Amino acid sequence: MPKPDTRDFEERYSSCFLDLGVKTVAGLLIGSMLGSFFLHGYKKWPMYIGGGLGVGMAYKNCENSLNNFLLSMDPKACVIK
């Protein structure tokens, strides 16, 4: 059984920025390598696609992490005065 994640909101939010940087740079590097190895000459569009995929994956991971934290909290009753 997996351990429950005990990080608070600030730790999850700051890890989102680290994840964004790592996945974007990795996507840019993979895209530039694919563009230079498989396409004759240096093309920029594979690098842009790789960077975009990295940003999209980081956004989805961050969204899932923050939603799991926020939805696990107990909702407070709304009192209208």
PDB file of N, CA and C in Angstrom:
ATOM      1  N   MET A   1       0.841  -1.172   0.000  1.00  0.00           N
ATOM      2  CA  MET A   1       0.000   0.000   0.000  1.00  0.00           C
ATOM      3  C   MET A   1       0.892   1.243   0.000  1.00  0.00           C
ATOM      4  N   PRO A   2       0.633   2.209  -0.912  1.00  0.00           N
ATOM      5  CA  PRO A   2       1.504   3.389  -0.968  1.00  0.00           C
ATOM      6  C   PRO A   2       1.299   4.301   0.236  1.00  0.00           C
ATOM      7  N   LYS A   3       2.361   5.006   0.598  1.00  0.00           N
ATOM      8  CA  LYS A   3       2.275   5.934   1.723  1.00  0.00           C
ATOM      9  C   LYS A   3       1.495   7.178   1.317  1.00  0.00           C
ATOM     10  N   PRO A   4       0.699   7.739   2.206  1.00  0.00           N
ATOM     11  CA  PRO A   4       0.014   8.986   1.871  1.00  0.00           C
ATOM     12  C   PRO A   4       1.008  10.136   1.783  1.00  0.00           C
ATOM     13  N   ASP A   5       0.727  11.063   0.887  1.00  0.00           N
ATOM     14  CA  ASP A   5       1.594  12.219   0.681  1.00  0.00           C
ATOM     15  C   ASP A   5       1.304  13.245   1.772  1.00  0.00           C
ATOM     16  N   THR A   6       2.317  13.591   2.574  1.00  0.00           N
ATOM     17  CA  THR A   6       2.105  14.482   3.720  1.00  0.00           C
ATOM     18  C   THR A   6       2.643  15.893   3.476  1.00  0.00           C
ATOM     19  N   ARG A   7       2.935  16.238   2.232  1.00  0.00           N
ATOM     20  CA  ARG A   7       3.446  17.587   1.961  1.00  0.00           C
ATOM     21  C   ARG A   7       2.325  18.611   2.082  1.00  0.00           C
ATOM     22  N   ASP A   8       2.673  19.828   2.509  1.00  0.00           N
ATOM     23  CA  ASP A   8       1.667  20.872   2.586  1.00  0.00           C
ATOM     24  C   ASP A   8       1.599  21.606   1.245  1.00  0.00           C
ATOM     25  N   PHE A   9       0.731  22.610   1.179  1.00  0.00           N
ATOM     26  CA  PHE A   9       0.458  23.282  -0.090  1.00  0.00           C
ATOM     27  C   PHE A   9       1.688  24.002  -0.636  1.00  0.00           C
ATOM     28  N   GLU A  10       2.455  24.658   0.228  1.00  0.00           N
ATOM     29  CA  GLU A  10       3.617  25.420  -0.238  1.00  0.00           C
ATOM     30  C   GLU A  10       4.684  24.503  -0.827  1.00  0.00           C
ATOM     31  N   GLU A  11       4.883  23.343  -0.217  1.00  0.00           N
ATOM     32  CA  GLU A  11       5.867  22.395  -0.747  1.00  0.00           C
ATOM     33  C   GLU A  11       5.423  21.849  -2.102  1.00  0.00           C
ATOM     34  N   ARG A  12       4.147  21.570  -2.229  1.00  0.00           N
ATOM     35  CA  ARG A  12       3.632  21.080  -3.507  1.00  0.00           C
ATOM     36  C   ARG A  12       3.740  22.163  -4.579  1.00  0.00           C
ATOM     37  N   TYR A  13       3.447  23.407  -4.207  1.00  0.00           N
ATOM     38  CA  TYR A  13       3.481  24.505  -5.163  1.00  0.00           C
ATOM     39  C   TYR A  13       4.902  24.791  -5.622  1.00  0.00           C
ATOM     40  N   SER A  14       5.857  24.757  -4.708  1.00  0.00           N
ATOM     41  CA  SER A  14       7.244  25.004  -5.092  1.00  0.00           C
ATOM     42  C   SER A  14       7.809  23.844  -5.911  1.00  0.00           C
ATOM     43  N   SER A  15       7.358  22.624  -5.637  1.00  0.00           N
ATOM     44  CA  SER A  15       7.828  21.494  -6.444  1.00  0.00           C
ATOM     45  C   SER A  15       7.263  21.557  -7.857  1.00  0.00           C
ATOM     46  N   CYS A  16       6.149  22.257  -8.039  1.00  0.00           N
ATOM     47  CA  CYS A  16       5.604  22.436  -9.390  1.00  0.00           C
ATOM     48  C   CYS A  16       6.557  23.241 -10.259  1.00  0.00           C
ATOM     49  N   PHE A  17       7.182  24.273  -9.691  1.00  0.00           N
ATOM     50  CA  PHE A  17       8.112  25.084 -10.472  1.00  0.00           C
ATOM     51  C   PHE A  17       9.378  24.311 -10.811  1.00  0.00           C
ATOM     52  N   LEU A  18       9.845  23.494  -9.896  1.00  0.00           N
ATOM     53  CA  LEU A  18      11.006  22.660 -10.175  1.00  0.00           C
ATOM     54  C   LEU A  18      10.676  21.640 -11.265  1.00  0.00           C
ATOM     55  N   ASP A  19       9.515  21.039 -11.175  1.00  0.00           N
ATOM     56  CA  ASP A  19       9.073  20.080 -12.177  1.00  0.00           C
ATOM     57  C   ASP A  19       8.918  20.747 -13.546  1.00  0.00           C
ATOM     58  N   LEU A  20       8.401  21.965 -13.560  1.00  0.00           N
ATOM     59  CA  LEU A  20       8.256  22.717 -14.805  1.00  0.00           C
ATOM     60  C   LEU A  20       9.611  22.958 -15.458  1.00  0.00           C
ATOM     61  N   GLY A  21      10.584  23.365 -14.681  1.00  0.00           N
ATOM     62  CA  GLY A  21      11.912  23.626 -15.225  1.00  0.00           C
ATOM     63  C   GLY A  21      12.578  22.374 -15.750  1.00  0.00           C
ATOM     64  N   VAL A  22      12.511  21.303 -14.988  1.00  0.00           N
ATOM     65  CA  VAL A  22      13.174  20.060 -15.389  1.00  0.00           C
ATOM     66  C   VAL A  22      12.543  19.487 -16.655  1.00  0.00           C
ATOM     67  N   LYS A  23      11.222  19.436 -16.700  1.00  0.00           N
ATOM     68  CA  LYS A  23      10.560  18.838 -17.857  1.00  0.00           C
ATOM     69  C   LYS A  23      10.675  19.712 -19.101  1.00  0.00           C
ATOM     70  N   THR A  24      10.674  21.025 -18.937  1.00  0.00           N
ATOM     71  CA  THR A  24      10.835  21.907 -20.089  1.00  0.00           C
ATOM     72  C   THR A  24      12.236  21.788 -20.671  1.00  0.00           C
ATOM     73  N   VAL A  25      13.252  21.813 -19.822  1.00  0.00           N
ATOM     74  CA  VAL A  25      14.628  21.696 -20.302  1.00  0.00           C
ATOM     75  C   VAL A  25      14.865  20.324 -20.937  1.00  0.00           C
ATOM     76  N   ALA A  26      14.337  19.280 -20.329  1.00  0.00           N
ATOM     77  CA  ALA A  26      14.486  17.937 -20.903  1.00  0.00           C
ATOM     78  C   ALA A  26      13.795  17.856 -22.262  1.00  0.00           C
ATOM     79  N   GLY A  27      12.614  18.442 -22.382  1.00  0.00           N
ATOM     80  CA  GLY A  27      11.913  18.445 -23.666  1.00  0.00           C
ATOM     81  C   GLY A  27      12.658  19.237 -24.725  1.00  0.00           C
ATOM     82  N   LEU A  28      13.237  20.371 -24.329  1.00  0.00           N
ATOM     83  CA  LEU A  28      14.020  21.161 -25.277  1.00  0.00           C
ATOM     84  C   LEU A  28      15.261  20.406 -25.741  1.00  0.00           C
ATOM     85  N   LEU A  29      15.933  19.741 -24.812  1.00  0.00           N
ATOM     86  CA  LEU A  29      17.129  18.974 -25.182  1.00  0.00           C
ATOM     87  C   LEU A  29      16.792  17.791 -26.082  1.00  0.00           C
ATOM     88  N   ILE A  30      15.760  17.062 -25.745  1.00  0.00           N
ATOM     89  CA  ILE A  30      15.379  15.912 -26.573  1.00  0.00           C
ATOM     90  C   ILE A  30      14.927  16.388 -27.949  1.00  0.00           C
ATOM     91  N   GLY A  31      14.171  17.475 -27.981  1.00  0.00           N
ATOM     92  CA  GLY A  31      13.736  18.007 -29.266  1.00  0.00           C
ATOM     93  C   GLY A  31      14.895  18.496 -30.117  1.00  0.00           C
ATOM     94  N   SER A  32      15.876  19.135 -29.505  1.00  0.00           N
ATOM     95  CA  SER A  32      17.015  19.607 -30.291  1.00  0.00           C
ATOM     96  C   SER A  32      17.866  18.437 -30.785  1.00  0.00           C
ATOM     97  N   MET A  33      17.996  17.387 -29.972  1.00  0.00           N
ATOM     98  CA  MET A  33      18.741  16.212 -30.430  1.00  0.00           C
ATOM     99  C   MET A  33      18.018  15.510 -31.572  1.00  0.00           C
ATOM    100  N   LEU A  34      16.710  15.359 -31.453  1.00  0.00           N
ATOM    101  CA  LEU A  34      15.959  14.724 -32.533  1.00  0.00           C
ATOM    102  C   LEU A  34      16.011  15.568 -33.796  1.00  0.00           C
ATOM    103  N   GLY A  35      15.944  16.885 -33.632  1.00  0.00           N
ATOM    104  CA  GLY A  35      16.010  17.760 -34.799  1.00  0.00           C
ATOM    105  C   GLY A  35      17.353  17.741 -35.477  1.00  0.00           C
ATOM    106  N   SER A  36      18.416  17.597 -34.716  1.00  0.00           N
ATOM    107  CA  SER A  36      19.737  17.616 -35.342  1.00  0.00           C
ATOM    108  C   SER A  36      20.165  16.245 -35.849  1.00  0.00           C
ATOM    109  N   PHE A  37      19.712  15.167 -35.216  1.00  0.00           N
ATOM    110  CA  PHE A  37      20.125  13.829 -35.641  1.00  0.00           C
ATOM    111  C   PHE A  37      19.288  13.299 -36.801  1.00  0.00           C
ATOM    112  N   PHE A  38      17.978  13.444 -36.710  1.00  0.00           N
ATOM    113  CA  PHE A  38      17.117  12.809 -37.704  1.00  0.00           C
ATOM    114  C   PHE A  38      16.745  13.729 -38.857  1.00  0.00           C
ATOM    115  N   LEU A  39      16.757  15.007 -38.647  1.00  0.00           N
ATOM    116  CA  LEU A  39      16.518  15.944 -39.734  1.00  0.00           C
ATOM    117  C   LEU A  39      17.872  16.483 -40.165  1.00  0.00           C
ATOM    118  N   HIS A  40      18.083  16.602 -41.420  1.00  0.00           N
ATOM    119  CA  HIS A  40      19.379  17.080 -41.914  1.00  0.00           C
ATOM    120  C   HIS A  40      19.478  18.578 -41.682  1.00  0.00           C
ATOM    121  N   GLY A  41      20.376  18.951 -40.792  1.00  0.00           N
ATOM    122  CA  GLY A  41      20.519  20.352 -40.422  1.00  0.00           C
ATOM    123  C   GLY A  41      19.801  20.619 -39.117  1.00  0.00           C
ATOM    124  N   TYR A  42      19.956  21.812 -38.633  1.00  0.00           N
ATOM    125  CA  TYR A  42      19.370  22.189 -37.352  1.00  0.00           C
ATOM    126  C   TYR A  42      18.007  22.818 -37.587  1.00  0.00           C
ATOM    127  N   LYS A  43      16.981  22.175 -37.123  1.00  0.00           N
ATOM    128  CA  LYS A  43      15.611  22.694 -37.210  1.00  0.00           C
ATOM    129  C   LYS A  43      15.134  23.043 -35.809  1.00  0.00           C
ATOM    130  N   LYS A  44      14.375  24.110 -35.693  1.00  0.00           N
ATOM    131  CA  LYS A  44      13.916  24.549 -34.371  1.00  0.00           C
ATOM    132  C   LYS A  44      12.563  23.988 -33.969  1.00  0.00           C
ATOM    133  N   TRP A  45      11.730  23.571 -34.906  1.00  0.00           N
ATOM    134  CA  TRP A  45      10.386  23.163 -34.531  1.00  0.00           C
ATOM    135  C   TRP A  45      10.346  21.923 -33.647  1.00  0.00           C
ATOM    136  N   PRO A  46      11.242  20.936 -33.770  1.00  0.00           N
ATOM    137  CA  PRO A  46      11.179  19.817 -32.809  1.00  0.00           C
ATOM    138  C   PRO A  46      11.515  20.258 -31.378  1.00  0.00           C
ATOM    139  N   MET A  47      12.367  21.271 -31.275  1.00  0.00           N
ATOM    140  CA  MET A  47      12.719  21.785 -29.955  1.00  0.00           C
ATOM    141  C   MET A  47      11.514  22.473 -29.317  1.00  0.00           C
ATOM    142  N   TYR A  48      10.764  23.222 -30.102  1.00  0.00           N
ATOM    143  CA  TYR A  48       9.566  23.877 -29.579  1.00  0.00           C
ATOM    144  C   TYR A  48       8.492  22.868 -29.187  1.00  0.00           C
ATOM    145  N   ILE A  49       8.346  21.826 -29.972  1.00  0.00           N
ATOM    146  CA  ILE A  49       7.363  20.788 -29.642  1.00  0.00           C
ATOM    147  C   ILE A  49       7.765  20.063 -28.362  1.00  0.00           C
ATOM    148  N   GLY A  50       9.051  19.738 -28.221  1.00  0.00           N
ATOM    149  CA  GLY A  50       9.522  19.075 -27.001  1.00  0.00           C
ATOM    150  C   GLY A  50       9.347  19.942 -25.772  1.00  0.00           C
ATOM    151  N   GLY A  51       9.642  21.228 -25.893  1.00  0.00           N
ATOM    152  CA  GLY A  51       9.439  22.142 -24.769  1.00  0.00           C
ATOM    153  C   GLY A  51       7.974  22.281 -24.407  1.00  0.00           C
ATOM    154  N   GLY A  52       7.115  22.328 -25.420  1.00  0.00           N
ATOM    155  CA  GLY A  52       5.676  22.413 -25.173  1.00  0.00           C
ATOM    156  C   GLY A  52       5.128  21.165 -24.502  1.00  0.00           C
ATOM    157  N   LEU A  53       5.633  20.019 -24.914  1.00  0.00           N
ATOM    158  CA  LEU A  53       5.207  18.777 -24.261  1.00  0.00           C
ATOM    159  C   LEU A  53       5.678  18.740 -22.808  1.00  0.00           C
ATOM    160  N   GLY A  54       6.879  19.240 -22.546  1.00  0.00           N
ATOM    161  CA  GLY A  54       7.379  19.288 -21.173  1.00  0.00           C
ATOM    162  C   GLY A  54       6.539  20.201 -20.294  1.00  0.00           C
ATOM    163  N   VAL A  55       6.155  21.358 -20.833  1.00  0.00           N
ATOM    164  CA  VAL A  55       5.301  22.285 -20.073  1.00  0.00           C
ATOM    165  C   VAL A  55       3.942  21.651 -19.811  1.00  0.00           C
ATOM    166  N   GLY A  56       3.387  20.976 -20.813  1.00  0.00           N
ATOM    167  CA  GLY A  56       2.078  20.342 -20.643  1.00  0.00           C
ATOM    168  C   GLY A  56       2.095  19.230 -19.607  1.00  0.00           C
ATOM    169  N   MET A  57       3.146  18.419 -19.616  1.00  0.00           N
ATOM    170  CA  MET A  57       3.236  17.342 -18.623  1.00  0.00           C
ATOM    171  C   MET A  57       3.436  17.900 -17.220  1.00  0.00           C
ATOM    172  N   ALA A  58       4.231  18.959 -17.088  1.00  0.00           N
ATOM    173  CA  ALA A  58       4.447  19.563 -15.772  1.00  0.00           C
ATOM    174  C   ALA A  58       3.155  20.196 -15.258  1.00  0.00           C
ATOM    175  N   TYR A  59       2.402  20.831 -16.147  1.00  0.00           N
ATOM    176  CA  TYR A  59       1.130  21.439 -15.749  1.00  0.00           C
ATOM    177  C   TYR A  59       0.145  20.375 -15.253  1.00  0.00           C
ATOM    178  N   LYS A  60       0.070  19.273 -15.954  1.00  0.00           N
ATOM    179  CA  LYS A  60      -0.857  18.208 -15.564  1.00  0.00           C
ATOM    180  C   LYS A  60      -0.458  17.595 -14.222  1.00  0.00           C
ATOM    181  N   ASN A  61       0.847  17.364 -14.005  1.00  0.00           N
ATOM    182  CA  ASN A  61       1.301  16.826 -12.722  1.00  0.00           C
ATOM    183  C   ASN A  61       1.013  17.794 -11.583  1.00  0.00           C
ATOM    184  N   CYS A  62       1.240  19.081 -11.822  1.00  0.00           N
ATOM    185  CA  CYS A  62       0.993  20.085 -10.795  1.00  0.00           C
ATOM    186  C   CYS A  62      -0.499  20.176 -10.478  1.00  0.00           C
ATOM    187  N   GLU A  63      -1.314  20.145 -11.519  1.00  0.00           N
ATOM    188  CA  GLU A  63      -2.759  20.214 -11.317  1.00  0.00           C
ATOM    189  C   GLU A  63      -3.258  19.027 -10.493  1.00  0.00           C
ATOM    190  N   ASN A  64      -2.775  17.834 -10.808  1.00  0.00           N
ATOM    191  CA  ASN A  64      -3.185  16.649 -10.049  1.00  0.00           C
ATOM    192  C   ASN A  64      -2.731  16.723  -8.598  1.00  0.00           C
ATOM    193  N   SER A  65      -1.502  17.177  -8.374  1.00  0.00           N
ATOM    194  CA  SER A  65      -0.967  17.255  -7.018  1.00  0.00           C
ATOM    195  C   SER A  65      -1.752  18.262  -6.174  1.00  0.00           C
ATOM    196  N   LEU A  66      -1.995  19.437  -6.733  1.00  0.00           N
ATOM    197  CA  LEU A  66      -2.709  20.461  -5.966  1.00  0.00           C
ATOM    198  C   LEU A  66      -4.175  20.099  -5.772  1.00  0.00           C
ATOM    199  N   ASN A  67      -4.800  19.498  -6.776  1.00  0.00           N
ATOM    200  CA  ASN A  67      -6.201  19.096  -6.615  1.00  0.00           C
ATOM    201  C   ASN A  67      -6.352  17.992  -5.577  1.00  0.00           C
ATOM    202  N   ASN A  68      -5.424  17.043  -5.545  1.00  0.00           N
ATOM    203  CA  ASN A  68      -5.495  15.994  -4.521  1.00  0.00           C
ATOM    204  C   ASN A  68      -5.388  16.587  -3.125  1.00  0.00           C
ATOM    205  N   PHE A  69      -4.526  17.597  -2.969  1.00  0.00           N
ATOM    206  CA  PHE A  69      -4.383  18.230  -1.660  1.00  0.00           C
ATOM    207  C   PHE A  69      -5.641  19.013  -1.295  1.00  0.00           C
ATOM    208  N   LEU A  70      -6.144  19.811  -2.226  1.00  0.00           N
ATOM    209  CA  LEU A  70      -7.288  20.670  -1.912  1.00  0.00           C
ATOM    210  C   LEU A  70      -8.577  19.870  -1.730  1.00  0.00           C
ATOM    211  N   LEU A  71      -8.748  18.799  -2.467  1.00  0.00           N
ATOM    212  CA  LEU A  71      -9.968  18.014  -2.334  1.00  0.00           C
ATOM    213  C   LEU A  71      -9.950  17.115  -1.106  1.00  0.00           C
ATOM    214  N   SER A  72      -8.764  16.877  -0.534  1.00  0.00           N
ATOM    215  CA  SER A  72      -8.694  16.042   0.661  1.00  0.00           C
ATOM    216  C   SER A  72      -8.985  16.836   1.931  1.00  0.00           C
ATOM    217  N   MET A  73      -9.028  18.143   1.836  1.00  0.00           N
ATOM    218  CA  MET A  73      -9.306  18.966   3.016  1.00  0.00           C
ATOM    219  C   MET A  73     -10.789  18.889   3.358  1.00  0.00           C
ATOM    220  N   ASP A  74     -11.101  19.069   4.642  1.00  0.00           N
ATOM    221  CA  ASP A  74     -12.490  19.077   5.064  1.00  0.00           C
ATOM    222  C   ASP A  74     -13.122  20.411   4.707  1.00  0.00           C
ATOM    223  N   PRO A  75     -14.241  20.377   4.004  1.00  0.00           N
ATOM    224  CA  PRO A  75     -14.881  21.644   3.657  1.00  0.00           C
ATOM    225  C   PRO A  75     -15.505  22.278   4.890  1.00  0.00           C
ATOM    226  N   LYS A  76     -15.398  23.579   4.978  1.00  0.00           N
ATOM    227  CA  LYS A  76     -16.010  24.308   6.086  1.00  0.00           C
ATOM    228  C   LYS A  76     -17.440  24.722   5.680  1.00  0.00           C
ATOM    229  N   ALA A  77     -18.286  24.715   6.653  1.00  0.00           N
ATOM    230  CA  ALA A  77     -19.661  25.100   6.374  1.00  0.00           C
ATOM    231  C   ALA A  77     -19.732  26.600   6.102  1.00  0.00           C
ATOM    232  N   CYS A  78     -20.435  26.967   5.064  1.00  0.00           N
ATOM    233  CA  CYS A  78     -20.589  28.371   4.702  1.00  0.00           C
ATOM    234  C   CYS A  78     -21.780  28.921   5.481  1.00  0.00           C
ATOM    235  N   VAL A  79     -21.522  29.941   6.267  1.00  0.00           N
ATOM    236  CA  VAL A  79     -22.573  30.553   7.085  1.00  0.00           C
ATOM    237  C   VAL A  79     -22.844  31.935   6.525  1.00  0.00           C
ATOM    238  N   ILE A  80     -24.052  32.160   6.112  1.00  0.00           N
ATOM    239  CA  ILE A  80     -24.447  33.465   5.584  1.00  0.00           C
ATOM    240  C   ILE A  80     -25.125  34.233   6.704  1.00  0.00           C
ATOM    241  N   LYS A  81     -24.614  35.421   6.958  1.00  0.00           N
ATOM    242  CA  LYS A  81     -25.197  36.228   8.034  1.00  0.00           C
ATOM    243  C   LYS A  81     -26.088  37.305   7.481  1.00  0.00           C
TER     244      LYS A  81
END
